[in-house]
Amino acid sequence: MTQQIPTPAPSASAEPEGRASTFRAVEGGTETHSGTVLLVEAYAAIWLILMGWLFMLWRKQRGLHARLDDVERALDRALADKK
């Protein structure tokens, strides 16, 4: 059983001279989003994620500091009881 590989149909723009080399905006499309608005929204999302992550780190650091203070107090009590 032999398998044939399909070949692409030739197109009018297959020649390098026929391909467009400049940007042409699509006229009459249904897209209504501005690139500037999307950029600002992306930066805002990144900043919100970063601030949330830093807040979570701050809370975790505060909790670890409180636990370390508890351990230090327990060690001080244990040393005072030994004397």
PDB file of N, CA and C in Angstrom:
ATOM      1  N   MET A   1       0.839  -1.157   0.000  1.00  0.00           N
ATOM      2  CA  MET A   1       0.000   0.000   0.000  1.00  0.00           C
ATOM      3  C   MET A   1       0.898   1.238   0.000  1.00  0.00           C
ATOM      4  N   THR A   2       0.760   2.082  -0.954  1.00  0.00           N
ATOM      5  CA  THR A   2       1.575   3.290  -1.037  1.00  0.00           C
ATOM      6  C   THR A   2       0.750   4.486  -0.602  1.00  0.00           C
ATOM      7  N   GLN A   3       1.418   5.373   0.066  1.00  0.00           N
ATOM      8  CA  GLN A   3       0.741   6.560   0.564  1.00  0.00           C
ATOM      9  C   GLN A   3       1.291   7.782  -0.166  1.00  0.00           C
ATOM     10  N   GLN A   4       0.386   8.581  -0.693  1.00  0.00           N
ATOM     11  CA  GLN A   4       0.813   9.776  -1.403  1.00  0.00           C
ATOM     12  C   GLN A   4       0.680  10.987  -0.493  1.00  0.00           C
ATOM     13  N   ILE A   5       1.678  11.819  -0.546  1.00  0.00           N
ATOM     14  CA  ILE A   5       1.663  13.041   0.239  1.00  0.00           C
ATOM     15  C   ILE A   5       0.976  14.118  -0.582  1.00  0.00           C
ATOM     16  N   PRO A   6      -0.051  14.747  -0.012  1.00  0.00           N
ATOM     17  CA  PRO A   6      -0.738  15.788  -0.786  1.00  0.00           C
ATOM     18  C   PRO A   6       0.164  16.995  -0.983  1.00  0.00           C
ATOM     19  N   THR A   7       0.083  17.565  -2.147  1.00  0.00           N
ATOM     20  CA  THR A   7       0.874  18.756  -2.445  1.00  0.00           C
ATOM     21  C   THR A   7      -0.024  19.979  -2.345  1.00  0.00           C
ATOM     22  N   PRO A   8       0.489  21.066  -1.830  1.00  0.00           N
ATOM     23  CA  PRO A   8      -0.339  22.258  -1.711  1.00  0.00           C
ATOM     24  C   PRO A   8      -0.676  22.824  -3.081  1.00  0.00           C
ATOM     25  N   ALA A   9      -1.857  23.391  -3.158  1.00  0.00           N
ATOM     26  CA  ALA A   9      -2.288  23.988  -4.420  1.00  0.00           C
ATOM     27  C   ALA A   9      -1.505  25.267  -4.663  1.00  0.00           C
ATOM     28  N   PRO A  10      -1.062  25.482  -5.881  1.00  0.00           N
ATOM     29  CA  PRO A  10      -0.316  26.711  -6.155  1.00  0.00           C
ATOM     30  C   PRO A  10      -1.230  27.928  -6.006  1.00  0.00           C
ATOM     31  N   SER A  11      -0.677  28.984  -5.446  1.00  0.00           N
ATOM     32  CA  SER A  11      -1.463  30.203  -5.274  1.00  0.00           C
ATOM     33  C   SER A  11      -0.820  31.330  -6.066  1.00  0.00           C
ATOM     34  N   ALA A  12      -1.574  32.382  -6.216  1.00  0.00           N
ATOM     35  CA  ALA A  12      -1.082  33.514  -6.994  1.00  0.00           C
ATOM     36  C   ALA A  12       0.056  34.218  -6.273  1.00  0.00           C
ATOM     37  N   SER A  13       0.070  34.132  -4.946  1.00  0.00           N
ATOM     38  CA  SER A  13       1.106  34.838  -4.195  1.00  0.00           C
ATOM     39  C   SER A  13       2.278  33.927  -3.845  1.00  0.00           C
ATOM     40  N   ALA A  14       2.408  32.773  -4.490  1.00  0.00           N
ATOM     41  CA  ALA A  14       3.493  31.854  -4.201  1.00  0.00           C
ATOM     42  C   ALA A  14       4.837  32.431  -4.625  1.00  0.00           C
ATOM     43  N   GLU A  15       4.835  33.314  -5.573  1.00  0.00           N
ATOM     44  CA  GLU A  15       6.076  33.940  -6.023  1.00  0.00           C
ATOM     45  C   GLU A  15       6.494  35.027  -5.034  1.00  0.00           C
ATOM     46  N   PRO A  16       7.769  35.175  -4.770  1.00  0.00           N
ATOM     47  CA  PRO A  16       8.213  36.212  -3.835  1.00  0.00           C
ATOM     48  C   PRO A  16       7.784  37.619  -4.259  1.00  0.00           C
ATOM     49  N   GLU A  17       7.689  37.871  -5.539  1.00  0.00           N
ATOM     50  CA  GLU A  17       7.299  39.201  -5.999  1.00  0.00           C
ATOM     51  C   GLU A  17       5.828  39.485  -5.715  1.00  0.00           C
ATOM     52  N   GLY A  18       4.997  38.431  -5.604  1.00  0.00           N
ATOM     53  CA  GLY A  18       3.574  38.595  -5.413  1.00  0.00           C
ATOM     54  C   GLY A  18       3.168  38.778  -3.958  1.00  0.00           C
ATOM     55  N   ARG A  19       4.078  38.482  -3.025  1.00  0.00           N
ATOM     56  CA  ARG A  19       3.739  38.611  -1.610  1.00  0.00           C
ATOM     57  C   ARG A  19       3.854  40.063  -1.172  1.00  0.00           C
ATOM     58  N   ALA A  20       2.965  40.454  -0.279  1.00  0.00           N
ATOM     59  CA  ALA A  20       2.995  41.815   0.246  1.00  0.00           C
ATOM     60  C   ALA A  20       4.135  41.948   1.245  1.00  0.00           C
ATOM     61  N   SER A  21       4.818  43.054   1.210  1.00  0.00           N
ATOM     62  CA  SER A  21       5.918  43.272   2.142  1.00  0.00           C
ATOM     63  C   SER A  21       5.619  44.429   3.084  1.00  0.00           C
ATOM     64  N   THR A  22       4.441  44.998   3.000  1.00  0.00           N
ATOM     65  CA  THR A  22       4.062  46.080   3.899  1.00  0.00           C
ATOM     66  C   THR A  22       2.789  45.695   4.634  1.00  0.00           C
ATOM     67  N   PHE A  23       2.571  46.355   5.757  1.00  0.00           N
ATOM     68  CA  PHE A  23       1.381  46.098   6.564  1.00  0.00           C
ATOM     69  C   PHE A  23       0.195  46.830   5.968  1.00  0.00           C
ATOM     70  N   ARG A  24      -0.906  46.108   5.856  1.00  0.00           N
ATOM     71  CA  ARG A  24      -2.158  46.719   5.408  1.00  0.00           C
ATOM     72  C   ARG A  24      -3.235  46.399   6.432  1.00  0.00           C
ATOM     73  N   ALA A  25      -3.840  47.439   7.011  1.00  0.00           N
ATOM     74  CA  ALA A  25      -4.896  47.234   8.001  1.00  0.00           C
ATOM     75  C   ALA A  25      -6.135  46.659   7.318  1.00  0.00           C
ATOM     76  N   VAL A  26      -6.839  45.812   8.054  1.00  0.00           N
ATOM     77  CA  VAL A  26      -8.061  45.215   7.522  1.00  0.00           C
ATOM     78  C   VAL A  26      -9.180  46.250   7.630  1.00  0.00           C
ATOM     79  N   GLU A  27      -9.851  46.478   6.558  1.00  0.00           N
ATOM     80  CA  GLU A  27     -10.954  47.438   6.535  1.00  0.00           C
ATOM     81  C   GLU A  27     -12.266  46.711   6.807  1.00  0.00           C
ATOM     82  N   GLY A  28     -13.120  47.288   7.642  1.00  0.00           N
ATOM     83  CA  GLY A  28     -14.448  46.728   7.873  1.00  0.00           C
ATOM     84  C   GLY A  28     -14.473  45.502   8.746  1.00  0.00           C
ATOM     85  N   GLY A  29     -13.452  45.288   9.547  1.00  0.00           N
ATOM     86  CA  GLY A  29     -13.436  44.131  10.436  1.00  0.00           C
ATOM     87  C   GLY A  29     -14.332  44.346  11.638  1.00  0.00           C
ATOM     88  N   THR A  30     -14.502  43.299  12.413  1.00  0.00           N
ATOM     89  CA  THR A  30     -15.371  43.387  13.585  1.00  0.00           C
ATOM     90  C   THR A  30     -14.594  43.633  14.862  1.00  0.00           C
ATOM     91  N   GLU A  31     -13.281  43.751  14.808  1.00  0.00           N
ATOM     92  CA  GLU A  31     -12.492  44.016  16.012  1.00  0.00           C
ATOM     93  C   GLU A  31     -12.680  45.452  16.450  1.00  0.00           C
ATOM     94  N   THR A  32     -12.945  45.619  17.738  1.00  0.00           N
ATOM     95  CA  THR A  32     -13.167  46.966  18.249  1.00  0.00           C
ATOM     96  C   THR A  32     -12.195  47.322  19.364  1.00  0.00           C
ATOM     97  N   HIS A  33     -11.197  46.493  19.636  1.00  0.00           N
ATOM     98  CA  HIS A  33     -10.247  46.748  20.711  1.00  0.00           C
ATOM     99  C   HIS A  33      -9.081  47.560  20.186  1.00  0.00           C
ATOM    100  N   SER A  34      -8.724  48.583  20.944  1.00  0.00           N
ATOM    101  CA  SER A  34      -7.575  49.395  20.605  1.00  0.00           C
ATOM    102  C   SER A  34      -6.320  48.730  21.150  1.00  0.00           C
ATOM    103  N   GLY A  35      -5.246  48.795  20.421  1.00  0.00           N
ATOM    104  CA  GLY A  35      -3.990  48.220  20.888  1.00  0.00           C
ATOM    105  C   GLY A  35      -3.475  48.915  22.132  1.00  0.00           C
ATOM    106  N   THR A  36      -3.707  50.220  22.225  1.00  0.00           N
ATOM    107  CA  THR A  36      -3.266  50.980  23.386  1.00  0.00           C
ATOM    108  C   THR A  36      -4.017  50.527  24.634  1.00  0.00           C
ATOM    109  N   VAL A  37      -5.310  50.327  24.514  1.00  0.00           N
ATOM    110  CA  VAL A  37      -6.110  49.880  25.658  1.00  0.00           C
ATOM    111  C   VAL A  37      -5.652  48.501  26.103  1.00  0.00           C
ATOM    112  N   LEU A  38      -5.402  47.614  25.171  1.00  0.00           N
ATOM    113  CA  LEU A  38      -4.945  46.265  25.520  1.00  0.00           C
ATOM    114  C   LEU A  38      -3.589  46.311  26.212  1.00  0.00           C
ATOM    115  N   LEU A  39      -2.694  47.187  25.763  1.00  0.00           N
ATOM    116  CA  LEU A  39      -1.383  47.328  26.391  1.00  0.00           C
ATOM    117  C   LEU A  39      -1.517  47.820  27.821  1.00  0.00           C
ATOM    118  N   VAL A  40      -2.345  48.832  28.045  1.00  0.00           N
ATOM    119  CA  VAL A  40      -2.550  49.359  29.392  1.00  0.00           C
ATOM    120  C   VAL A  40      -3.182  48.296  30.283  1.00  0.00           C
ATOM    121  N   GLU A  41      -4.145  47.556  29.764  1.00  0.00           N
ATOM    122  CA  GLU A  41      -4.768  46.482  30.547  1.00  0.00           C
ATOM    123  C   GLU A  41      -3.751  45.408  30.906  1.00  0.00           C
ATOM    124  N   ALA A  42      -2.860  45.073  29.990  1.00  0.00           N
ATOM    125  CA  ALA A  42      -1.839  44.058  30.267  1.00  0.00           C
ATOM    126  C   ALA A  42      -0.892  44.536  31.365  1.00  0.00           C
ATOM    127  N   TYR A  43      -0.450  45.790  31.288  1.00  0.00           N
ATOM    128  CA  TYR A  43       0.423  46.322  32.333  1.00  0.00           C
ATOM    129  C   TYR A  43      -0.299  46.372  33.674  1.00  0.00           C
ATOM    130  N   ALA A  44      -1.568  46.766  33.684  1.00  0.00           N
ATOM    131  CA  ALA A  44      -2.333  46.811  34.929  1.00  0.00           C
ATOM    132  C   ALA A  44      -2.457  45.411  35.533  1.00  0.00           C
ATOM    133  N   ALA A  45      -2.701  44.415  34.700  1.00  0.00           N
ATOM    134  CA  ALA A  45      -2.819  43.035  35.190  1.00  0.00           C
ATOM    135  C   ALA A  45      -1.494  42.567  35.783  1.00  0.00           C
ATOM    136  N   ILE A  46      -0.387  42.887  35.128  1.00  0.00           N
ATOM    137  CA  ILE A  46       0.930  42.489  35.637  1.00  0.00           C
ATOM    138  C   ILE A  46       1.190  43.154  36.985  1.00  0.00           C
ATOM    139  N   TRP A  47       0.890  44.461  37.103  1.00  0.00           N
ATOM    140  CA  TRP A  47       1.101  45.165  38.373  1.00  0.00           C
ATOM    141  C   TRP A  47       0.219  44.599  39.475  1.00  0.00           C
ATOM    142  N   LEU A  48      -1.031  44.275  39.166  1.00  0.00           N
ATOM    143  CA  LEU A  48      -1.917  43.705  40.186  1.00  0.00           C
ATOM    144  C   LEU A  48      -1.408  42.348  40.668  1.00  0.00           C
ATOM    145  N   ILE A  49      -0.958  41.531  39.734  1.00  0.00           N
ATOM    146  CA  ILE A  49      -0.405  40.219  40.102  1.00  0.00           C
ATOM    147  C   ILE A  49       0.839  40.394  40.958  1.00  0.00           C
ATOM    148  N   LEU A  50       1.713  41.321  40.576  1.00  0.00           N
ATOM    149  CA  LEU A  50       2.940  41.565  41.335  1.00  0.00           C
ATOM    150  C   LEU A  50       2.630  42.073  42.743  1.00  0.00           C
ATOM    151  N   MET A  51       1.701  43.006  42.856  1.00  0.00           N
ATOM    152  CA  MET A  51       1.341  43.535  44.179  1.00  0.00           C
ATOM    153  C   MET A  51       0.698  42.452  45.051  1.00  0.00           C
ATOM    154  N   GLY A  52      -0.139  41.614  44.470  1.00  0.00           N
ATOM    155  CA  GLY A  52      -0.733  40.505  45.222  1.00  0.00           C
ATOM    156  C   GLY A  52       0.314  39.533  45.717  1.00  0.00           C
ATOM    157  N   TRP A  53       1.278  39.228  44.866  1.00  0.00           N
ATOM    158  CA  TRP A  53       2.356  38.304  45.236  1.00  0.00           C
ATOM    159  C   TRP A  53       3.199  38.903  46.356  1.00  0.00           C
ATOM    160  N   LEU A  54       3.531  40.207  46.257  1.00  0.00           N
ATOM    161  CA  LEU A  54       4.313  40.853  47.308  1.00  0.00           C
ATOM    162  C   LEU A  54       3.546  40.914  48.621  1.00  0.00           C
ATOM    163  N   PHE A  55       2.237  41.145  48.565  1.00  0.00           N
ATOM    164  CA  PHE A  55       1.425  41.162  49.773  1.00  0.00           C
ATOM    165  C   PHE A  55       1.439  39.788  50.447  1.00  0.00           C
ATOM    166  N   MET A  56       1.314  38.742  49.641  1.00  0.00           N
ATOM    167  CA  MET A  56       1.343  37.391  50.206  1.00  0.00           C
ATOM    168  C   MET A  56       2.701  37.095  50.839  1.00  0.00           C
ATOM    169  N   LEU A  57       3.791  37.521  50.203  1.00  0.00           N
ATOM    170  CA  LEU A  57       5.121  37.327  50.783  1.00  0.00           C
ATOM    171  C   LEU A  57       5.268  38.095  52.092  1.00  0.00           C
ATOM    172  N   TRP A  58       4.737  39.316  52.131  1.00  0.00           N
ATOM    173  CA  TRP A  58       4.816  40.133  53.340  1.00  0.00           C
ATOM    174  C   TRP A  58       4.085  39.450  54.493  1.00  0.00           C
ATOM    175  N   ARG A  59       2.877  38.916  54.212  1.00  0.00           N
ATOM    176  CA  ARG A  59       2.114  38.230  55.259  1.00  0.00           C
ATOM    177  C   ARG A  59       2.846  36.990  55.753  1.00  0.00           C
ATOM    178  N   LYS A  60       3.436  36.245  54.832  1.00  0.00           N
ATOM    179  CA  LYS A  60       4.164  35.032  55.218  1.00  0.00           C
ATOM    180  C   LYS A  60       5.391  35.401  56.057  1.00  0.00           C
ATOM    181  N   GLN A  61       6.091  36.453  55.671  1.00  0.00           N
ATOM    182  CA  GLN A  61       7.263  36.898  56.422  1.00  0.00           C
ATOM    183  C   GLN A  61       6.858  37.349  57.827  1.00  0.00           C
ATOM    184  N   ARG A  62       5.733  38.040  57.942  1.00  0.00           N
ATOM    185  CA  ARG A  62       5.245  38.485  59.248  1.00  0.00           C
ATOM    186  C   ARG A  62       4.919  37.280  60.121  1.00  0.00           C
ATOM    187  N   GLY A  63       4.298  36.257  59.556  1.00  0.00           N
ATOM    188  CA  GLY A  63       3.989  35.047  60.303  1.00  0.00           C
ATOM    189  C   GLY A  63       5.247  34.311  60.755  1.00  0.00           C
ATOM    190  N   LEU A  64       6.241  34.239  59.878  1.00  0.00           N
ATOM    191  CA  LEU A  64       7.497  33.577  60.245  1.00  0.00           C
ATOM    192  C   LEU A  64       8.216  34.348  61.346  1.00  0.00           C
ATOM    193  N   HIS A  65       8.155  35.672  61.281  1.00  0.00           N
ATOM    194  CA  HIS A  65       8.789  36.497  62.306  1.00  0.00           C
ATOM    195  C   HIS A  65       8.119  36.267  63.668  1.00  0.00           C
ATOM    196  N   ALA A  66       6.790  36.161  63.671  1.00  0.00           N
ATOM    197  CA  ALA A  66       6.065  35.906  64.919  1.00  0.00           C
ATOM    198  C   ALA A  66       6.438  34.533  65.488  1.00  0.00           C
ATOM    199  N   ARG A  67       6.552  33.546  64.629  1.00  0.00           N
ATOM    200  CA  ARG A  67       6.937  32.205  65.098  1.00  0.00           C
ATOM    201  C   ARG A  67       8.356  32.204  65.653  1.00  0.00           C
ATOM    202  N   LEU A  68       9.254  32.938  65.004  1.00  0.00           N
ATOM    203  CA  LEU A  68      10.628  33.021  65.484  1.00  0.00           C
ATOM    204  C   LEU A  68      10.681  33.713  66.850  1.00  0.00           C
ATOM    205  N   ASP A  69       9.861  34.749  67.046  1.00  0.00           N
ATOM    206  CA  ASP A  69       9.799  35.410  68.350  1.00  0.00           C
ATOM    207  C   ASP A  69       9.311  34.439  69.426  1.00  0.00           C
ATOM    208  N   ASP A  70       8.311  33.596  69.087  1.00  0.00           N
ATOM    209  CA  ASP A  70       7.817  32.597  70.035  1.00  0.00           C
ATOM    210  C   ASP A  70       8.908  31.599  70.412  1.00  0.00           C
ATOM    211  N   VAL A  71       9.684  31.165  69.436  1.00  0.00           N
ATOM    212  CA  VAL A  71      10.769  30.216  69.698  1.00  0.00           C
ATOM    213  C   VAL A  71      11.824  30.868  70.586  1.00  0.00           C
ATOM    214  N   GLU A  72      12.152  32.126  70.311  1.00  0.00           N
ATOM    215  CA  GLU A  72      13.157  32.816  71.135  1.00  0.00           C
ATOM    216  C   GLU A  72      12.679  32.966  72.582  1.00  0.00           C
ATOM    217  N   ARG A  73      11.401  33.296  72.767  1.00  0.00           N
ATOM    218  CA  ARG A  73      10.854  33.403  74.135  1.00  0.00           C
ATOM    219  C   ARG A  73      10.882  32.047  74.837  1.00  0.00           C
ATOM    220  N   ALA A  74      10.547  30.988  74.113  1.00  0.00           N
ATOM    221  CA  ALA A  74      10.568  29.653  74.712  1.00  0.00           C
ATOM    222  C   ALA A  74      11.993  29.262  75.102  1.00  0.00           C
ATOM    223  N   LEU A  75      12.967  29.596  74.282  1.00  0.00           N
ATOM    224  CA  LEU A  75      14.357  29.286  74.603  1.00  0.00           C
ATOM    225  C   LEU A  75      14.818  30.099  75.816  1.00  0.00           C
ATOM    226  N   ASP A  76      14.422  31.357  75.893  1.00  0.00           N
ATOM    227  CA  ASP A  76      14.798  32.184  77.027  1.00  0.00           C
ATOM    228  C   ASP A  76      14.213  31.618  78.333  1.00  0.00           C
ATOM    229  N   ARG A  77      12.939  31.171  78.284  1.00  0.00           N
ATOM    230  CA  ARG A  77      12.303  30.578  79.455  1.00  0.00           C
ATOM    231  C   ARG A  77      13.006  29.287  79.864  1.00  0.00           C
ATOM    232  N   ALA A  78      13.353  28.476  78.843  1.00  0.00           N
ATOM    233  CA  ALA A  78      14.031  27.209  79.146  1.00  0.00           C
ATOM    234  C   ALA A  78      15.398  27.463  79.777  1.00  0.00           C
ATOM    235  N   LEU A  79      16.114  28.468  79.294  1.00  0.00           N
ATOM    236  CA  LEU A  79      17.418  28.781  79.871  1.00  0.00           C
ATOM    237  C   LEU A  79      17.257  29.369  81.278  1.00  0.00           C
ATOM    238  N   ALA A  80      16.223  30.157  81.504  1.00  0.00           N
ATOM    239  CA  ALA A  80      16.009  30.730  82.837  1.00  0.00           C
ATOM    240  C   ALA A  80      15.624  29.656  83.836  1.00  0.00           C
ATOM    241  N   ASP A  81      14.866  28.651  83.412  1.00  0.00           N
ATOM    242  CA  ASP A  81      14.470  27.573  84.305  1.00  0.00           C
ATOM    243  C   ASP A  81      15.649  26.695  84.671  1.00  0.00           C
ATOM    244  N   LYS A  82      16.624  26.577  83.809  1.00  0.00           N
ATOM    245  CA  LYS A  82      17.799  25.732  84.052  1.00  0.00           C
ATOM    246  C   LYS A  82      18.715  26.355  85.104  1.00  0.00           C
ATOM    247  N   LYS A  83      18.752  27.646  85.173  1.00  0.00           N
ATOM    248  CA  LYS A  83      19.681  28.319  86.103  1.00  0.00           C
ATOM    249  C   LYS A  83      19.210  28.295  87.491  1.00  0.00           C
TER     250      LYS A  83
END
